Amino acid sequence: MDLSDKLIINKNFKMKKLNLFLLMGTILVLGAILIAADHIEAPGVSGSTADITDYYAFQGDADKIVFVANTQGLLSPTATGDASFDENVMIEFNIDTDQDNTEDLIIQAIPRDGKMYFFGPTPATGNTGTSGTVQIDADVNSVDITEYNGDMQIATNDGIKIFAGPRDDPFFMDFAQYGQIIGGMATSFNNPGDDTFAGTNVMSVVIEVPKSMIGGTGSINTWVETKRK
């Protein structure tokens, strides 16, 4: 059975979204990184395989841009070995190129049988909003999902580089000091402070694409969603 037989098409997905306003010009000149984070989640998705923790977008090589979606946060080392991507959850990267706050391009990531399949970048015509349709007519790349403590699996094809698997949580936040500030017992964070997420892991999906596939050198908006069948 091939992939197109196994994917469910024209289904609505529940959506969780993180917004990130990304200036490609800034990235082009400064090599900046922009981040959206959301570790403390509403009960409806907290701890689920659809829970997004962080979204990153930054310049890779001079002519490429990297999108990173991290899910399933606060995984302990012992829990990470049993963690996996949910085959009923699609991770969708959305890119708005004309500043109307509606996606013009999408990149979809869907796990199947130990691999992560990436569809796109492809036009989002007829596929905007909170529902999604798997774009099986788009260009498709795949990579073996990296196992915990296993060799890192990275695939490269036509200038696109992809990865999927567990990673150490890169987000730094001192929640104890944050609580002190909110409670009026401190006025600022310590330097460097204590990393609340030290020793915890996430399930990460990474795609690096040539900027020519995104189009233009001005500003774009980008956000990530998880959508469940």
Protein backbone atom coordinates (compact mmCIF):
# COMPACT_ATOMS: atom_id res chain seq x y z
CA MET A 1 0.00 0.00 0.00
CA ASP A 2 1.55 3.33 -1.00
CA LEU A 3 1.41 6.55 0.98
CA SER A 4 -1.52 8.02 -0.93
CA ASP A 5 -3.60 4.95 -0.01
CA LYS A 6 -2.82 5.37 3.66
CA LEU A 7 -3.44 9.09 4.08
CA ILE A 8 -6.95 10.29 4.80
CA ILE A 9 -7.92 13.12 2.45
CA ASN A 10 -10.57 15.86 2.81
CA LYS A 11 -10.85 15.47 6.57
CA ASN A 12 -11.20 18.29 9.05
CA PHE A 13 -8.60 18.64 11.75
CA LYS A 14 -8.81 20.29 15.15
CA MET A 15 -6.25 23.06 15.16
CA LYS A 16 -3.71 24.43 17.59
CA LYS A 17 -1.64 27.37 16.36
CA LEU A 18 1.41 29.42 17.27
CA ASN A 19 1.93 32.70 15.42
CA LEU A 20 5.31 34.08 14.48
CA PHE A 21 5.89 37.26 12.51
CA LEU A 22 9.04 36.67 10.53
CA LEU A 23 10.98 39.36 8.66
CA MET A 24 12.90 37.64 5.89
CA GLY A 25 14.83 40.85 5.26
CA THR A 26 15.99 40.89 8.86
CA ILE A 27 17.02 37.26 8.64
CA LEU A 28 18.80 37.89 5.34
CA VAL A 29 20.89 40.71 6.77
CA LEU A 30 21.40 39.74 10.40
CA GLY A 31 20.86 36.00 10.50
CA ALA A 32 18.34 36.53 13.30
CA ILE A 33 16.19 33.89 14.94
CA LEU A 34 12.56 34.44 15.88
CA ILE A 35 10.69 32.27 18.34
CA ALA A 36 7.15 31.57 19.50
CA ALA A 37 6.80 29.48 22.66
CA ASP A 38 3.91 27.92 24.54
CA HIS A 39 4.93 25.32 27.15
CA ILE A 40 2.08 25.88 29.60
CA GLU A 41 -0.97 24.66 27.73
CA ALA A 42 -4.75 24.58 28.06
CA PRO A 43 -6.18 21.30 29.44
CA GLY A 44 -7.66 20.33 26.06
CA VAL A 45 -4.27 19.58 24.50
CA SER A 46 -1.84 19.61 27.42
CA GLY A 47 0.35 16.53 27.34
CA SER A 48 -1.13 15.31 24.05
CA THR A 49 0.77 14.42 20.90
CA ALA A 50 -0.70 17.56 19.27
CA ASP A 51 0.71 19.94 21.88
CA ILE A 52 3.09 22.50 20.32
CA THR A 53 5.82 23.83 22.65
CA ASP A 54 7.93 26.04 20.38
CA TYR A 55 8.15 27.34 16.85
CA TYR A 56 11.41 28.68 15.42
CA ALA A 57 12.25 30.23 12.06
CA PHE A 58 15.70 31.40 11.12
CA GLN A 59 18.20 31.68 8.30
CA GLY A 60 20.20 28.55 7.59
CA ASP A 61 22.65 28.99 4.76
CA ALA A 62 22.58 32.41 3.10
CA ASP A 63 19.89 31.35 0.64
CA LYS A 64 17.84 29.08 2.90
CA ILE A 65 15.34 29.38 5.72
CA VAL A 66 14.69 26.85 8.49
CA PHE A 67 11.34 26.09 10.14
CA VAL A 68 11.28 24.10 13.41
CA ALA A 69 8.18 22.85 15.22
CA ASN A 70 8.62 21.21 18.62
CA THR A 71 5.81 19.19 20.20
CA GLN A 72 5.16 17.01 23.27
CA GLY A 73 7.19 19.05 25.72
CA LEU A 74 8.52 18.16 29.17
CA LEU A 75 9.46 14.62 28.17
CA SER A 76 11.77 13.06 30.73
CA PRO A 77 14.69 10.96 29.44
CA THR A 78 12.86 7.79 30.49
CA ALA A 79 9.63 8.88 28.78
CA THR A 80 11.39 9.96 25.58
CA GLY A 81 12.24 6.41 24.58
CA ASP A 82 8.54 5.59 24.35
CA ALA A 83 7.49 8.89 22.74
CA SER A 84 6.46 8.91 19.11
CA PHE A 85 4.76 11.07 16.53
CA ASP A 86 1.02 10.47 16.23
CA GLU A 87 -0.03 9.22 12.79
CA ASN A 88 -3.37 10.98 13.28
CA VAL A 89 -1.70 14.38 13.78
CA MET A 90 -0.45 16.53 10.92
CA ILE A 91 2.03 19.35 11.56
CA GLU A 92 1.41 22.21 9.15
CA PHE A 93 3.79 25.12 8.59
CA ASN A 94 1.94 28.16 7.22
CA ILE A 95 3.58 31.01 5.31
CA ASP A 96 1.87 34.30 4.44
CA THR A 97 3.80 36.12 1.71
CA ASP A 98 1.47 39.06 0.97
CA GLN A 99 0.71 40.36 4.48
CA ASP A 100 -3.01 39.49 4.50
CA ASN A 101 -2.66 37.13 7.49
CA THR A 102 -3.80 34.17 5.41
CA GLU A 103 -1.46 31.38 4.44
CA ASP A 104 -0.23 31.43 0.83
CA LEU A 105 2.12 28.45 1.14
CA ILE A 106 2.03 25.41 3.38
CA ILE A 107 4.41 22.63 4.31
CA GLN A 108 2.78 19.55 5.83
CA ALA A 109 4.51 16.87 7.88
CA ILE A 110 2.83 13.50 8.51
CA PRO A 111 4.37 10.39 10.15
CA ARG A 112 3.84 6.91 8.74
CA ASP A 113 5.57 3.65 9.64
CA GLY A 114 8.74 5.15 11.10
CA LYS A 115 9.12 7.91 8.52
CA MET A 116 8.11 11.57 8.43
CA TYR A 117 6.70 12.67 5.07
CA PHE A 118 6.94 16.33 4.07
CA PHE A 119 4.57 17.77 1.45
CA GLY A 120 5.48 21.13 -0.09
CA PRO A 121 6.08 24.01 0.02
CA THR A 122 2.86 24.16 -1.99
CA PRO A 123 0.17 26.82 -2.55
CA ALA A 124 -2.50 26.84 0.15
CA THR A 125 -5.36 27.67 -2.23
CA GLY A 126 -8.55 26.11 -0.90
CA ASN A 127 -6.72 24.84 2.15
CA THR A 128 -6.69 27.84 4.49
CA GLY A 129 -8.04 28.22 7.99
CA THR A 130 -8.58 25.63 10.70
CA SER A 131 -9.27 22.64 8.43
CA GLY A 132 -6.69 20.97 6.23
CA THR A 133 -6.38 18.59 3.31
CA VAL A 134 -3.25 16.52 2.77
CA GLN A 135 -1.57 17.82 -0.38
CA ILE A 136 -0.55 14.49 -1.90
CA ASP A 137 -0.06 16.14 -5.31
CA ALA A 138 2.73 18.31 -3.86
CA ASP A 139 6.42 17.43 -4.00
CA VAL A 140 7.09 14.85 -1.27
CA ASN A 141 10.24 14.23 0.75
CA SER A 142 10.69 11.74 3.58
CA VAL A 143 13.16 10.94 6.32
CA ASP A 144 13.50 8.08 8.79
CA ILE A 145 12.41 9.27 12.23
CA THR A 146 15.46 9.42 14.48
CA GLU A 147 15.28 7.12 17.49
CA TYR A 148 16.08 8.35 20.98
CA ASN A 149 19.86 8.09 21.51
CA GLY A 150 20.13 6.76 17.96
CA ASP A 151 22.12 8.12 15.03
CA MET A 152 20.62 11.34 13.68
CA GLN A 153 18.74 10.77 10.43
CA ILE A 154 18.77 13.72 8.00
CA ALA A 155 17.56 13.59 4.39
CA THR A 156 18.43 16.07 1.64
CA ASN A 157 16.74 16.37 -1.74
CA ASP A 158 16.62 19.22 -4.27
CA GLY A 159 17.95 21.70 -1.75
CA ILE A 160 15.48 20.67 0.99
CA LYS A 161 16.86 19.21 4.23
CA ILE A 162 14.57 17.47 6.74
CA PHE A 163 14.68 15.89 10.20
CA ALA A 164 12.18 14.42 12.66
CA GLY A 165 12.78 12.96 16.08
CA PRO A 166 13.47 13.62 19.78
CA ARG A 167 15.74 16.51 20.78
CA ASP A 168 16.76 18.21 23.99
CA ASP A 169 14.34 21.09 24.63
CA PRO A 170 16.24 24.20 23.44
CA PHE A 171 13.92 26.72 25.11
CA PHE A 172 15.32 28.48 28.19
CA MET A 173 12.99 29.80 30.87
CA ASP A 174 13.42 30.35 34.61
CA PHE A 175 9.86 29.82 35.79
CA ALA A 176 10.76 30.03 39.49
CA GLN A 177 12.18 33.52 39.01
CA TYR A 178 9.25 34.40 36.76
CA GLY A 179 6.94 33.53 39.64
CA GLN A 180 8.98 35.78 41.93
CA ILE A 181 8.62 38.67 39.47
CA ILE A 182 4.87 38.16 39.02
CA GLY A 183 4.46 37.96 42.80
CA GLY A 184 6.29 41.25 43.31
CA MET A 185 9.21 39.65 45.14
CA ALA A 186 11.74 40.32 42.37
CA THR A 187 12.11 42.91 39.64
CA SER A 188 14.18 41.09 37.06
CA PHE A 189 15.53 37.74 35.92
CA ASN A 190 18.88 36.47 37.14
CA ASN A 191 21.81 36.10 34.77
CA PRO A 192 21.97 33.32 33.73
CA GLY A 193 19.17 31.99 35.94
CA ASP A 194 17.97 28.40 36.23
CA ASP A 195 16.69 26.55 33.16
CA THR A 196 13.32 25.04 34.07
CA PHE A 197 13.44 22.80 30.99
CA ALA A 198 16.94 21.41 31.57
CA GLY A 199 16.96 17.65 31.14
CA THR A 200 13.63 17.51 29.29
CA ASN A 201 13.04 16.67 25.66
CA VAL A 202 10.66 17.44 22.80
CA MET A 203 9.63 15.76 19.56
CA SER A 204 11.03 17.99 16.83
CA VAL A 205 10.24 18.44 13.13
CA VAL A 206 12.71 20.49 11.08
CA ILE A 207 12.70 21.54 7.44
CA GLU A 208 15.22 23.77 5.68
CA VAL A 209 14.11 25.11 2.29
CA PRO A 210 15.64 27.43 -0.31
CA LYS A 211 14.26 30.96 -0.02
CA SER A 212 13.47 30.77 -3.74
CA MET A 213 10.72 28.27 -2.85
CA ILE A 214 9.17 30.81 -0.48
CA GLY A 215 9.43 33.77 -2.85
CA GLY A 216 10.45 37.36 -2.41
CA THR A 217 12.90 39.05 -0.09
CA GLY A 218 10.44 41.15 1.90
CA SER A 219 8.64 40.21 5.09
CA ILE A 220 6.51 37.13 5.63
CA ASN A 221 4.26 35.93 8.44
CA THR A 222 4.60 32.32 9.50
CA TRP A 223 2.86 30.11 12.05
CA VAL A 224 2.53 26.43 12.79
CA GLU A 225 -0.53 24.29 13.49
CA THR A 226 -1.16 20.74 14.56
CA LYS A 227 -4.29 19.22 13.04
CA ARG A 228 -5.85 15.99 14.20
CA LYS A 229 -7.90 13.69 11.98
